[in-house]
Amino acid sequence: MASSIKNLSEYSSTNVLNVAEKKFGIVVSEWNEEVTEALYNGAYETLLAHGAKKENIVRKTVPGSFELSLGGQWMAQQEHIDAVICIGCVVQGETKHFDFICDAVAQGITNVSLKYNKPVIFGVLTPNTQKQALDRAGGKHGNKGDEAAITAIKMLGF
């Protein structure tokens, strides 16, 4: 379902467990910081709202979305980390750069999840415009960070 018709901050309470004893890694891209910080805040607050302890949430920063895969892998390989949330934003530009980065990040994050057999969540916005990004980073369409955190929690309850 397109996020233009669904609020990213709304979710079903099915399989939402208390995560007081779970440890989360959140990898955040510095690129497009206005958006990624809002996404991070959404993810962080959602984890806390479902029982995660502040000391069980580890944040690391990478330069851009392309680096999320390796940052996610470094987090996922730590045995004490139960789930990893990768936060980024790639806005469509005038060149094919967007397509290459988005494809690489999606494949990379998927591969890390499969390699370490734990949830590694794609919390990356791929909008056409900066306005669309802001609308999905706490704006009129909710916050993709909330959605990413709930996805991590639900996958841990699988």
C-alpha atoms as a PDB file:
ATOM      1  CA  MET A   1       0.000   0.000   0.000  1.00  0.00           C
ATOM      2  CA  ALA A   2       1.341   3.414  -0.910  1.00  0.00           C
ATOM      3  CA  SER A   3       2.260   5.566   2.074  1.00  0.00           C
ATOM      4  CA  SER A   4       0.252   8.399   0.522  1.00  0.00           C
ATOM      5  CA  ILE A   5      -2.883   6.479   1.558  1.00  0.00           C
ATOM      6  CA  LYS A   6      -1.573   4.839   4.743  1.00  0.00           C
ATOM      7  CA  ASN A   7      -0.108   6.516   7.796  1.00  0.00           C
ATOM      8  CA  LEU A   8       3.322   4.981   8.445  1.00  0.00           C
ATOM      9  CA  SER A   9       2.881   5.465  12.186  1.00  0.00           C
ATOM     10  CA  GLU A  10      -0.269   3.314  12.375  1.00  0.00           C
ATOM     11  CA  TYR A  11       0.092  -0.431  12.860  1.00  0.00           C
ATOM     12  CA  SER A  12      -1.681  -3.549  14.002  1.00  0.00           C
ATOM     13  CA  SER A  13      -0.933  -4.622  17.568  1.00  0.00           C
ATOM     14  CA  THR A  14      -0.688  -8.270  16.434  1.00  0.00           C
ATOM     15  CA  ASN A  15       2.708  -9.791  17.343  1.00  0.00           C
ATOM     16  CA  VAL A  16       3.885  -6.655  19.151  1.00  0.00           C
ATOM     17  CA  LEU A  17       5.771  -8.012  22.127  1.00  0.00           C
ATOM     18  CA  ASN A  18       7.387  -6.275  25.052  1.00  0.00           C
ATOM     19  CA  VAL A  19      11.036  -5.848  24.124  1.00  0.00           C
ATOM     20  CA  ALA A  20      12.462  -4.978  27.552  1.00  0.00           C
ATOM     21  CA  GLU A  21      15.158  -7.628  27.259  1.00  0.00           C
ATOM     22  CA  LYS A  22      15.928  -7.136  23.544  1.00  0.00           C
ATOM     23  CA  LYS A  23      18.881  -5.172  22.203  1.00  0.00           C
ATOM     24  CA  PHE A  24      18.628  -3.044  19.085  1.00  0.00           C
ATOM     25  CA  GLY A  25      21.182  -1.529  16.791  1.00  0.00           C
ATOM     26  CA  ILE A  26      20.131   1.508  14.778  1.00  0.00           C
ATOM     27  CA  VAL A  27      22.358   2.571  11.891  1.00  0.00           C
ATOM     28  CA  VAL A  28      21.618   6.090  10.644  1.00  0.00           C
ATOM     29  CA  SER A  29      22.797   7.740   7.444  1.00  0.00           C
ATOM     30  CA  GLU A  30      24.192  11.282   7.850  1.00  0.00           C
ATOM     31  CA  TRP A  31      23.131  12.147   4.312  1.00  0.00           C
ATOM     32  CA  ASN A  32      19.866  14.123   4.338  1.00  0.00           C
ATOM     33  CA  GLU A  33      20.189  14.594   8.084  1.00  0.00           C
ATOM     34  CA  GLU A  34      16.966  16.593   8.502  1.00  0.00           C
ATOM     35  CA  VAL A  35      15.043  13.530   7.357  1.00  0.00           C
ATOM     36  CA  THR A  36      17.179  10.777   8.880  1.00  0.00           C
ATOM     37  CA  GLU A  37      17.199  12.367  12.344  1.00  0.00           C
ATOM     38  CA  ALA A  38      13.399  12.540  12.284  1.00  0.00           C
ATOM     39  CA  LEU A  39      13.270   8.881  11.201  1.00  0.00           C
ATOM     40  CA  TYR A  40      15.725   7.910  13.948  1.00  0.00           C
ATOM     41  CA  ASN A  41      13.684   9.761  16.576  1.00  0.00           C
ATOM     42  CA  GLY A  42      10.547   7.944  15.438  1.00  0.00           C
ATOM     43  CA  ALA A  43      12.249   4.548  15.643  1.00  0.00           C
ATOM     44  CA  TYR A  44      13.865   5.291  18.996  1.00  0.00           C
ATOM     45  CA  GLU A  45      10.658   6.570  20.619  1.00  0.00           C
ATOM     46  CA  THR A  46       8.654   3.633  19.253  1.00  0.00           C
ATOM     47  CA  LEU A  47      11.135   1.141  20.705  1.00  0.00           C
ATOM     48  CA  LEU A  48      10.952   2.885  24.088  1.00  0.00           C
ATOM     49  CA  ALA A  49       7.139   2.904  23.932  1.00  0.00           C
ATOM     50  CA  HIS A  50       7.205  -0.894  23.592  1.00  0.00           C
ATOM     51  CA  GLY A  51       9.499  -1.486  26.544  1.00  0.00           C
ATOM     52  CA  ALA A  52      13.019  -1.212  25.125  1.00  0.00           C
ATOM     53  CA  LYS A  53      15.526   0.155  27.613  1.00  0.00           C
ATOM     54  CA  LYS A  54      17.643   3.142  26.571  1.00  0.00           C
ATOM     55  CA  GLU A  55      20.823   1.228  27.377  1.00  0.00           C
ATOM     56  CA  ASN A  56      19.706  -1.570  25.003  1.00  0.00           C
ATOM     57  CA  ILE A  57      19.541   0.728  21.968  1.00  0.00           C
ATOM     58  CA  VAL A  58      22.867   1.334  20.236  1.00  0.00           C
ATOM     59  CA  ARG A  59      23.126   4.009  17.572  1.00  0.00           C
ATOM     60  CA  LYS A  60      25.868   4.189  14.953  1.00  0.00           C
ATOM     61  CA  THR A  61      26.152   6.676  12.111  1.00  0.00           C
ATOM     62  CA  VAL A  62      27.362   6.102   8.556  1.00  0.00           C
ATOM     63  CA  PRO A  63      28.064   8.728   5.860  1.00  0.00           C
ATOM     64  CA  GLY A  64      25.281   7.779   3.431  1.00  0.00           C
ATOM     65  CA  SER A  65      22.630   5.212   2.627  1.00  0.00           C
ATOM     66  CA  PHE A  66      25.057   3.132   0.561  1.00  0.00           C
ATOM     67  CA  GLU A  67      27.042   2.462   3.754  1.00  0.00           C
ATOM     68  CA  LEU A  68      23.985   1.183   5.648  1.00  0.00           C
ATOM     69  CA  SER A  69      24.591  -2.391   4.482  1.00  0.00           C
ATOM     70  CA  LEU A  70      28.087  -2.607   5.952  1.00  0.00           C
ATOM     71  CA  GLY A  71      27.098  -0.674   9.072  1.00  0.00           C
ATOM     72  CA  GLY A  72      24.137  -3.015   9.470  1.00  0.00           C
ATOM     73  CA  GLN A  73      26.421  -6.015   9.045  1.00  0.00           C
ATOM     74  CA  TRP A  74      28.832  -4.765  11.705  1.00  0.00           C
ATOM     75  CA  MET A  75      25.865  -4.382  14.057  1.00  0.00           C
ATOM     76  CA  ALA A  76      24.243  -7.707  13.137  1.00  0.00           C
ATOM     77  CA  GLN A  77      27.438  -9.684  13.685  1.00  0.00           C
ATOM     78  CA  GLN A  78      27.390  -8.680  17.356  1.00  0.00           C
ATOM     79  CA  GLU A  79      25.724 -11.591  19.115  1.00  0.00           C
ATOM     80  CA  HIS A  80      24.090  -9.402  21.785  1.00  0.00           C
ATOM     81  CA  ILE A  81      22.187  -7.363  19.152  1.00  0.00           C
ATOM     82  CA  ASP A  82      18.765  -8.924  18.491  1.00  0.00           C
ATOM     83  CA  ALA A  83      17.653  -6.684  15.604  1.00  0.00           C
ATOM     84  CA  VAL A  84      19.101  -3.904  13.471  1.00  0.00           C
ATOM     85  CA  ILE A  85      17.225  -0.959  11.995  1.00  0.00           C
ATOM     86  CA  CYS A  86      18.832   0.820   9.041  1.00  0.00           C
ATOM     87  CA  ILE A  87      17.688   4.432   8.592  1.00  0.00           C
ATOM     88  CA  GLY A  88      18.332   6.440   5.436  1.00  0.00           C
ATOM     89  CA  CYS A  89      16.831   8.599   2.718  1.00  0.00           C
ATOM     90  CA  VAL A  90      17.659   8.719  -0.991  1.00  0.00           C
ATOM     91  CA  VAL A  91      15.773  11.408  -2.923  1.00  0.00           C
ATOM     92  CA  GLN A  92      15.305  10.931  -6.672  1.00  0.00           C
ATOM     93  CA  GLY A  93      17.605  13.185  -8.656  1.00  0.00           C
ATOM     94  CA  GLU A  94      18.289  13.843 -12.302  1.00  0.00           C
ATOM     95  CA  THR A  95      20.632  10.874 -12.800  1.00  0.00           C
ATOM     96  CA  LYS A  96      20.509   7.097 -12.417  1.00  0.00           C
ATOM     97  CA  HIS A  97      22.483   7.378  -9.151  1.00  0.00           C
ATOM     98  CA  PHE A  98      19.192   7.007  -7.251  1.00  0.00           C
ATOM     99  CA  ASP A  99      18.426   3.660  -8.913  1.00  0.00           C
ATOM    100  CA  PHE A 100      21.876   2.213  -8.249  1.00  0.00           C
ATOM    101  CA  ILE A 101      21.983   3.310  -4.614  1.00  0.00           C
ATOM    102  CA  CYS A 102      18.441   2.166  -3.777  1.00  0.00           C
ATOM    103  CA  ASP A 103      18.952  -1.237  -5.393  1.00  0.00           C
ATOM    104  CA  ALA A 104      22.319  -1.767  -3.694  1.00  0.00           C
ATOM    105  CA  VAL A 105      20.990  -0.773  -0.270  1.00  0.00           C
ATOM    106  CA  ALA A 106      17.893  -2.963  -0.536  1.00  0.00           C
ATOM    107  CA  GLN A 107      19.936  -5.976  -1.641  1.00  0.00           C
ATOM    108  CA  GLY A 108      22.654  -5.314   0.921  1.00  0.00           C
ATOM    109  CA  ILE A 109      20.294  -5.038   3.870  1.00  0.00           C
ATOM    110  CA  THR A 110      18.420  -8.159   2.767  1.00  0.00           C
ATOM    111  CA  ASN A 111      21.693 -10.078   2.462  1.00  0.00           C
ATOM    112  CA  VAL A 112      22.812  -9.032   5.950  1.00  0.00           C
ATOM    113  CA  SER A 113      19.519 -10.186   7.449  1.00  0.00           C
ATOM    114  CA  LEU A 114      19.818 -13.571   5.771  1.00  0.00           C
ATOM    115  CA  LYS A 115      23.524 -13.948   6.608  1.00  0.00           C
ATOM    116  CA  TYR A 116      23.010 -13.343  10.335  1.00  0.00           C
ATOM    117  CA  ASN A 117      19.522 -14.841  10.586  1.00  0.00           C
ATOM    118  CA  LYS A 118      18.142 -11.849  12.438  1.00  0.00           C
ATOM    119  CA  PRO A 119      15.924  -8.912  11.571  1.00  0.00           C
ATOM    120  CA  VAL A 120      17.791  -6.186   9.700  1.00  0.00           C
ATOM    121  CA  ILE A 121      15.131  -3.668   8.789  1.00  0.00           C
ATOM    122  CA  PHE A 122      14.981  -1.427   5.698  1.00  0.00           C
ATOM    123  CA  GLY A 123      14.009   1.942   7.159  1.00  0.00           C
ATOM    124  CA  VAL A 124      15.065   3.821   4.044  1.00  0.00           C
ATOM    125  CA  LEU A 125      12.883   6.377   2.305  1.00  0.00           C
ATOM    126  CA  THR A 126      13.099   6.502  -1.505  1.00  0.00           C
ATOM    127  CA  PRO A 127      10.918   9.507  -2.378  1.00  0.00           C
ATOM    128  CA  ASN A 128      10.817  11.613  -5.509  1.00  0.00           C
ATOM    129  CA  THR A 129      11.144  14.913  -3.629  1.00  0.00           C
ATOM    130  CA  GLN A 130      12.390  16.342  -0.353  1.00  0.00           C
ATOM    131  CA  LYS A 131       8.799  17.275   0.522  1.00  0.00           C
ATOM    132  CA  GLN A 132       7.711  13.645   0.124  1.00  0.00           C
ATOM    133  CA  ALA A 133      10.592  12.639   2.407  1.00  0.00           C
ATOM    134  CA  LEU A 134       9.540  15.103   5.100  1.00  0.00           C
ATOM    135  CA  ASP A 135       5.911  13.974   4.776  1.00  0.00           C
ATOM    136  CA  ARG A 136       7.131  10.446   5.648  1.00  0.00           C
ATOM    137  CA  ALA A 137       9.531  11.506   8.408  1.00  0.00           C
ATOM    138  CA  GLY A 138       6.939  12.670  10.897  1.00  0.00           C
ATOM    139  CA  GLY A 139       4.812  14.705   8.507  1.00  0.00           C
ATOM    140  CA  LYS A 140       1.357  14.098   7.108  1.00  0.00           C
ATOM    141  CA  HIS A 141       2.076  10.450   6.228  1.00  0.00           C
ATOM    142  CA  GLY A 142       3.485   9.497   9.619  1.00  0.00           C
ATOM    143  CA  ASN A 143       7.020   8.343  10.283  1.00  0.00           C
ATOM    144  CA  LYS A 144       8.831   5.513   8.487  1.00  0.00           C
ATOM    145  CA  GLY A 145      11.040   5.279  11.597  1.00  0.00           C
ATOM    146  CA  ASP A 146       7.994   4.188  13.610  1.00  0.00           C
ATOM    147  CA  GLU A 147       7.217   1.594  10.958  1.00  0.00           C
ATOM    148  CA  ALA A 148      10.807   0.312  10.937  1.00  0.00           C
ATOM    149  CA  ALA A 149      10.838  -0.113  14.725  1.00  0.00           C
ATOM    150  CA  ILE A 150       7.496  -1.937  14.753  1.00  0.00           C
ATOM    151  CA  THR A 151       8.745  -4.183  11.954  1.00  0.00           C
ATOM    152  CA  ALA A 152      11.813  -5.087  14.036  1.00  0.00           C
ATOM    153  CA  ILE A 153       9.645  -5.805  17.083  1.00  0.00           C
ATOM    154  CA  LYS A 154       7.190  -7.930  15.089  1.00  0.00           C
ATOM    155  CA  MET A 155       9.982  -9.924  13.458  1.00  0.00           C
ATOM    156  CA  LEU A 156      11.423 -10.675  16.898  1.00  0.00           C
ATOM    157  CA  GLY A 157       7.966 -12.003  17.833  1.00  0.00           C
ATOM    158  CA  PHE A 158       7.779 -14.251  14.742  1.00  0.00           C
END
